[in-house]
C-alpha cells in the first residue's frame, strides 16, 4: 500500500489480510501560512532530499526557495480567485500554523495541505 492509495483501497487491503472492526478515515489537514518567510521555511522543511542531493548548486538554493515560496503564494491566490472548491469528499481539518499566534494578520498568504489516511483495525484472536 502507498500513502496515495484511497481509503477504500486501504479498507479492502486490511480486510483481505484478516483485520476486522475496520475504521478507515480520509482527512486533509490545511495549514495556513501568513508570510513569505513562513512559506519558505515550510518548503525547506519539506524538501530535504531536493536540497541535499546536489540537484541544485548550494549557491542556487536561496533563490530557488524564494521562487518556490512565491509560486506557493501565487498558486493559492489563483485558487482563491478561481474559487477552487473541488469536492474530493474527504474531511478538511484546519490546522493553524505557529504563525497564527504570532501574527495579527488573520488572512493567510498560502496554505499547504497534507492528505492523511487514518485507520484502526483489529486481528481476531
Foldseek 3Di string as FASTA:
>chain_A
DDFPDDQVVVVVVCVVVAWPPKDKAKEKEKEFAADLVSLLVVVCVVDPVCQPVPPDDVVCVVVVSSVVSVVQLVVQVVCVVVVVDDCPVHHYDYDYDPVCVVDPDNDGSGIDMDIGMDMDTHHDD
